[in-house]
Amino acid sequence: MTTGDLETLLVSARELNRKNGITGVLLCSGNQFLQCFEGPIDAVQETYDRICRSRQHKGVVTYMDFAVPVRTFEDWAMGCAMPTDSELLTLSTADWKASNSAKPFSPSAPPGLGMLKFFWAMRTRGRDVKGPSA
């Protein structure tokens, strides 16, 4: 995926996400992606189904799928960062299991979500986040 392809994808995703009340982040390293999105249950399911149906996506893996009472990325229609391969590997192999009542950063929240939130907090202070309040 070229930088232009990624920018086109982000413009489209942000427009759809704003329309549907979805927030989240997309991490891209080469042709590997890790995405976290949140919002109304129906809108989240529709977004996930659209991603799975897309011919551009192969090997979609779901790490976490449950309702949380508070959004983790509420300020981002679709933030984007470019982690190193090892950072993406660390996040993708983290423990993403939690109870259905988990809140971000509660003891029952998945460690993977905590790692992603920490990674994102560090990256929003860095150079490779795509777009202010994206």
C-alpha atoms as a PDB file:
ATOM      1  CA  MET A   1       0.000   0.000   0.000  1.00  0.00           C
ATOM      2  CA  THR A   2       1.396   3.359  -0.998  1.00  0.00           C
ATOM      3  CA  THR A   3       1.154   6.494   1.112  1.00  0.00           C
ATOM      4  CA  GLY A   4      -1.416   7.811  -1.385  1.00  0.00           C
ATOM      5  CA  ASP A   5      -3.472   4.612  -1.035  1.00  0.00           C
ATOM      6  CA  LEU A   6      -3.368   4.949   2.744  1.00  0.00           C
ATOM      7  CA  GLU A   7      -4.433   8.604   2.615  1.00  0.00           C
ATOM      8  CA  THR A   8      -7.358   7.702   0.313  1.00  0.00           C
ATOM      9  CA  LEU A   9      -8.401   4.912   2.669  1.00  0.00           C
ATOM     10  CA  LEU A  10      -8.220   7.268   5.666  1.00  0.00           C
ATOM     11  CA  VAL A  11     -10.331   9.978   4.011  1.00  0.00           C
ATOM     12  CA  SER A  12     -13.028   7.424   3.156  1.00  0.00           C
ATOM     13  CA  ALA A  13     -12.895   5.715   6.562  1.00  0.00           C
ATOM     14  CA  ARG A  14     -13.066   8.992   8.462  1.00  0.00           C
ATOM     15  CA  GLU A  15     -16.089  10.139   6.478  1.00  0.00           C
ATOM     16  CA  LEU A  16     -17.939   6.862   7.075  1.00  0.00           C
ATOM     17  CA  ASN A  17     -16.895   6.761  10.731  1.00  0.00           C
ATOM     18  CA  ARG A  18     -18.118  10.275  11.452  1.00  0.00           C
ATOM     19  CA  LYS A  19     -21.413   9.492   9.732  1.00  0.00           C
ATOM     20  CA  ASN A  20     -21.841   6.304  11.797  1.00  0.00           C
ATOM     21  CA  GLY A  21     -20.494   7.499  15.156  1.00  0.00           C
ATOM     22  CA  ILE A  22     -17.381   5.307  14.980  1.00  0.00           C
ATOM     23  CA  THR A  23     -14.060   6.285  16.545  1.00  0.00           C
ATOM     24  CA  GLY A  24     -10.772   4.444  16.612  1.00  0.00           C
ATOM     25  CA  VAL A  25      -7.238   4.041  15.363  1.00  0.00           C
ATOM     26  CA  LEU A  26      -5.488   2.234  12.536  1.00  0.00           C
ATOM     27  CA  LEU A  27      -1.906   1.042  12.783  1.00  0.00           C
ATOM     28  CA  CYS A  28      -0.155   0.270   9.521  1.00  0.00           C
ATOM     29  CA  SER A  29       3.206  -1.410   9.036  1.00  0.00           C
ATOM     30  CA  GLY A  30       3.801  -2.368   5.408  1.00  0.00           C
ATOM     31  CA  ASN A  31       0.772  -4.412   4.419  1.00  0.00           C
ATOM     32  CA  GLN A  32      -0.059  -5.403   7.993  1.00  0.00           C
ATOM     33  CA  PHE A  33      -2.754  -3.524   9.883  1.00  0.00           C
ATOM     34  CA  LEU A  34      -4.144  -3.454  13.387  1.00  0.00           C
ATOM     35  CA  GLN A  35      -7.365  -1.542  13.837  1.00  0.00           C
ATOM     36  CA  CYS A  36      -9.439  -0.700  16.869  1.00  0.00           C
ATOM     37  CA  PHE A  37     -12.825   0.887  16.338  1.00  0.00           C
ATOM     38  CA  GLU A  38     -15.669   1.615  18.703  1.00  0.00           C
ATOM     39  CA  GLY A  39     -19.162   3.022  18.647  1.00  0.00           C
ATOM     40  CA  PRO A  40     -22.789   1.933  18.505  1.00  0.00           C
ATOM     41  CA  ILE A  41     -23.053  -1.857  18.315  1.00  0.00           C
ATOM     42  CA  ASP A  42     -24.884  -1.910  14.958  1.00  0.00           C
ATOM     43  CA  ALA A  43     -22.440   0.576  13.397  1.00  0.00           C
ATOM     44  CA  VAL A  44     -19.433  -1.369  14.694  1.00  0.00           C
ATOM     45  CA  GLN A  45     -20.835  -4.622  13.298  1.00  0.00           C
ATOM     46  CA  GLU A  46     -21.576  -2.994   9.930  1.00  0.00           C
ATOM     47  CA  THR A  47     -18.042  -1.570   9.782  1.00  0.00           C
ATOM     48  CA  TYR A  48     -16.497  -4.910  10.685  1.00  0.00           C
ATOM     49  CA  ASP A  49     -18.636  -6.748   8.115  1.00  0.00           C
ATOM     50  CA  ARG A  50     -17.619  -4.252   5.410  1.00  0.00           C
ATOM     51  CA  ILE A  51     -13.941  -4.800   6.250  1.00  0.00           C
ATOM     52  CA  CYS A  52     -14.350  -8.587   6.126  1.00  0.00           C
ATOM     53  CA  ARG A  53     -16.150  -8.430   2.752  1.00  0.00           C
ATOM     54  CA  SER A  54     -13.499  -6.221   1.180  1.00  0.00           C
ATOM     55  CA  ARG A  55     -11.209  -7.977  -1.283  1.00  0.00           C
ATOM     56  CA  GLN A  56      -8.388  -5.771   0.022  1.00  0.00           C
ATOM     57  CA  HIS A  57      -8.395  -7.578   3.360  1.00  0.00           C
ATOM     58  CA  LYS A  58      -7.045 -11.085   3.877  1.00  0.00           C
ATOM     59  CA  GLY A  59      -6.615 -13.044   7.072  1.00  0.00           C
ATOM     60  CA  VAL A  60      -8.743 -10.775   9.264  1.00  0.00           C
ATOM     61  CA  VAL A  61      -8.268 -11.733  12.924  1.00  0.00           C
ATOM     62  CA  THR A  62     -10.514 -10.448  15.715  1.00  0.00           C
ATOM     63  CA  TYR A  63      -8.641  -9.859  18.957  1.00  0.00           C
ATOM     64  CA  MET A  64     -11.382  -8.211  20.978  1.00  0.00           C
ATOM     65  CA  ASP A  65     -15.151  -7.962  20.503  1.00  0.00           C
ATOM     66  CA  PHE A  66     -17.227  -6.765  23.432  1.00  0.00           C
ATOM     67  CA  ALA A  67     -19.012  -3.666  24.627  1.00  0.00           C
ATOM     68  CA  VAL A  68     -17.132  -1.178  26.761  1.00  0.00           C
ATOM     69  CA  PRO A  69     -18.884   1.614  28.651  1.00  0.00           C
ATOM     70  CA  VAL A  70     -16.297   4.288  27.764  1.00  0.00           C
ATOM     71  CA  ARG A  71     -14.615   4.874  24.415  1.00  0.00           C
ATOM     72  CA  THR A  72     -10.854   4.586  24.364  1.00  0.00           C
ATOM     73  CA  PHE A  73     -10.276   6.706  21.220  1.00  0.00           C
ATOM     74  CA  GLU A  74     -13.203   9.126  21.450  1.00  0.00           C
ATOM     75  CA  ASP A  75     -11.331  12.016  19.798  1.00  0.00           C
ATOM     76  CA  TRP A  76     -10.364  10.164  16.621  1.00  0.00           C
ATOM     77  CA  ALA A  77     -12.695   9.398  13.686  1.00  0.00           C
ATOM     78  CA  MET A  78      -9.779   7.251  12.468  1.00  0.00           C
ATOM     79  CA  GLY A  79      -6.353   8.071  13.774  1.00  0.00           C
ATOM     80  CA  CYS A  80      -3.434   6.432  12.014  1.00  0.00           C
ATOM     81  CA  ALA A  81       0.117   5.654  13.085  1.00  0.00           C
ATOM     82  CA  MET A  82       2.918   3.632  11.559  1.00  0.00           C
ATOM     83  CA  PRO A  83       4.513   1.401  14.182  1.00  0.00           C
ATOM     84  CA  THR A  84       7.655  -0.582  13.608  1.00  0.00           C
ATOM     85  CA  ASP A  85       7.223  -4.236  12.696  1.00  0.00           C
ATOM     86  CA  SER A  86       8.236  -5.243  16.226  1.00  0.00           C
ATOM     87  CA  GLU A  87       5.745  -2.817  17.819  1.00  0.00           C
ATOM     88  CA  LEU A  88       2.933  -4.201  15.658  1.00  0.00           C
ATOM     89  CA  LEU A  89       4.009  -7.762  16.488  1.00  0.00           C
ATOM     90  CA  THR A  90       4.007  -6.940  20.212  1.00  0.00           C
ATOM     91  CA  LEU A  91       0.492  -5.494  20.011  1.00  0.00           C
ATOM     92  CA  SER A  92      -0.865  -8.299  17.833  1.00  0.00           C
ATOM     93  CA  THR A  93       0.464 -11.017  20.133  1.00  0.00           C
ATOM     94  CA  ALA A  94      -0.700  -9.348  23.366  1.00  0.00           C
ATOM     95  CA  ASP A  95      -3.445 -10.811  25.532  1.00  0.00           C
ATOM     96  CA  TRP A  96      -6.743  -9.375  24.237  1.00  0.00           C
ATOM     97  CA  LYS A  97      -9.097 -11.485  26.361  1.00  0.00           C
ATOM     98  CA  ALA A  98     -11.286  -9.896  29.019  1.00  0.00           C
ATOM     99  CA  SER A  99     -14.663 -10.261  30.619  1.00  0.00           C
ATOM    100  CA  ASN A 100     -17.693  -8.687  28.963  1.00  0.00           C
ATOM    101  CA  SER A 101     -17.852  -6.125  31.770  1.00  0.00           C
ATOM    102  CA  ALA A 102     -14.297  -4.879  31.273  1.00  0.00           C
ATOM    103  CA  LYS A 103     -13.568  -1.173  31.232  1.00  0.00           C
ATOM    104  CA  PRO A 104     -10.395   0.179  29.636  1.00  0.00           C
ATOM    105  CA  PHE A 105      -7.597   0.019  32.226  1.00  0.00           C
ATOM    106  CA  SER A 106      -9.682  -1.843  34.797  1.00  0.00           C
ATOM    107  CA  PRO A 107      -8.140  -5.050  36.148  1.00  0.00           C
ATOM    108  CA  SER A 108     -10.478  -7.025  33.876  1.00  0.00           C
ATOM    109  CA  ALA A 109      -9.580  -5.054  30.725  1.00  0.00           C
ATOM    110  CA  PRO A 110      -7.437  -6.917  28.223  1.00  0.00           C
ATOM    111  CA  PRO A 111      -3.727  -6.073  28.534  1.00  0.00           C
ATOM    112  CA  GLY A 112      -3.611  -5.647  24.745  1.00  0.00           C
ATOM    113  CA  LEU A 113      -6.040  -2.728  24.945  1.00  0.00           C
ATOM    114  CA  GLY A 114      -3.951  -1.102  27.644  1.00  0.00           C
ATOM    115  CA  MET A 115      -0.840  -1.535  25.497  1.00  0.00           C
ATOM    116  CA  LEU A 116      -2.619  -0.053  22.469  1.00  0.00           C
ATOM    117  CA  LYS A 117      -3.827   2.948  24.469  1.00  0.00           C
ATOM    118  CA  PHE A 118      -0.294   3.513  25.830  1.00  0.00           C
ATOM    119  CA  PHE A 119       1.214   3.138  22.344  1.00  0.00           C
ATOM    120  CA  TRP A 120      -1.311   5.612  20.958  1.00  0.00           C
ATOM    121  CA  ALA A 121      -0.660   8.142  23.741  1.00  0.00           C
ATOM    122  CA  MET A 122       3.060   8.018  22.972  1.00  0.00           C
ATOM    123  CA  ARG A 123       2.508   8.276  19.205  1.00  0.00           C
ATOM    124  CA  THR A 124       0.157  11.237  19.378  1.00  0.00           C
ATOM    125  CA  ARG A 125       3.096  13.094  20.864  1.00  0.00           C
ATOM    126  CA  GLY A 126       5.317  11.807  18.039  1.00  0.00           C
ATOM    127  CA  ARG A 127       5.818  12.497  14.383  1.00  0.00           C
ATOM    128  CA  ASP A 128       3.956   9.762  12.524  1.00  0.00           C
ATOM    129  CA  VAL A 129       0.313  10.228  13.525  1.00  0.00           C
ATOM    130  CA  LYS A 130      -1.838  11.063  10.517  1.00  0.00           C
ATOM    131  CA  GLY A 131      -3.823  14.231  10.936  1.00  0.00           C
ATOM    132  CA  PRO A 132      -4.790  16.335  13.935  1.00  0.00           C
ATOM    133  CA  SER A 133      -8.052  15.120  15.451  1.00  0.00           C
ATOM    134  CA  ALA A 134      -8.222  12.777  12.500  1.00  0.00           C
END
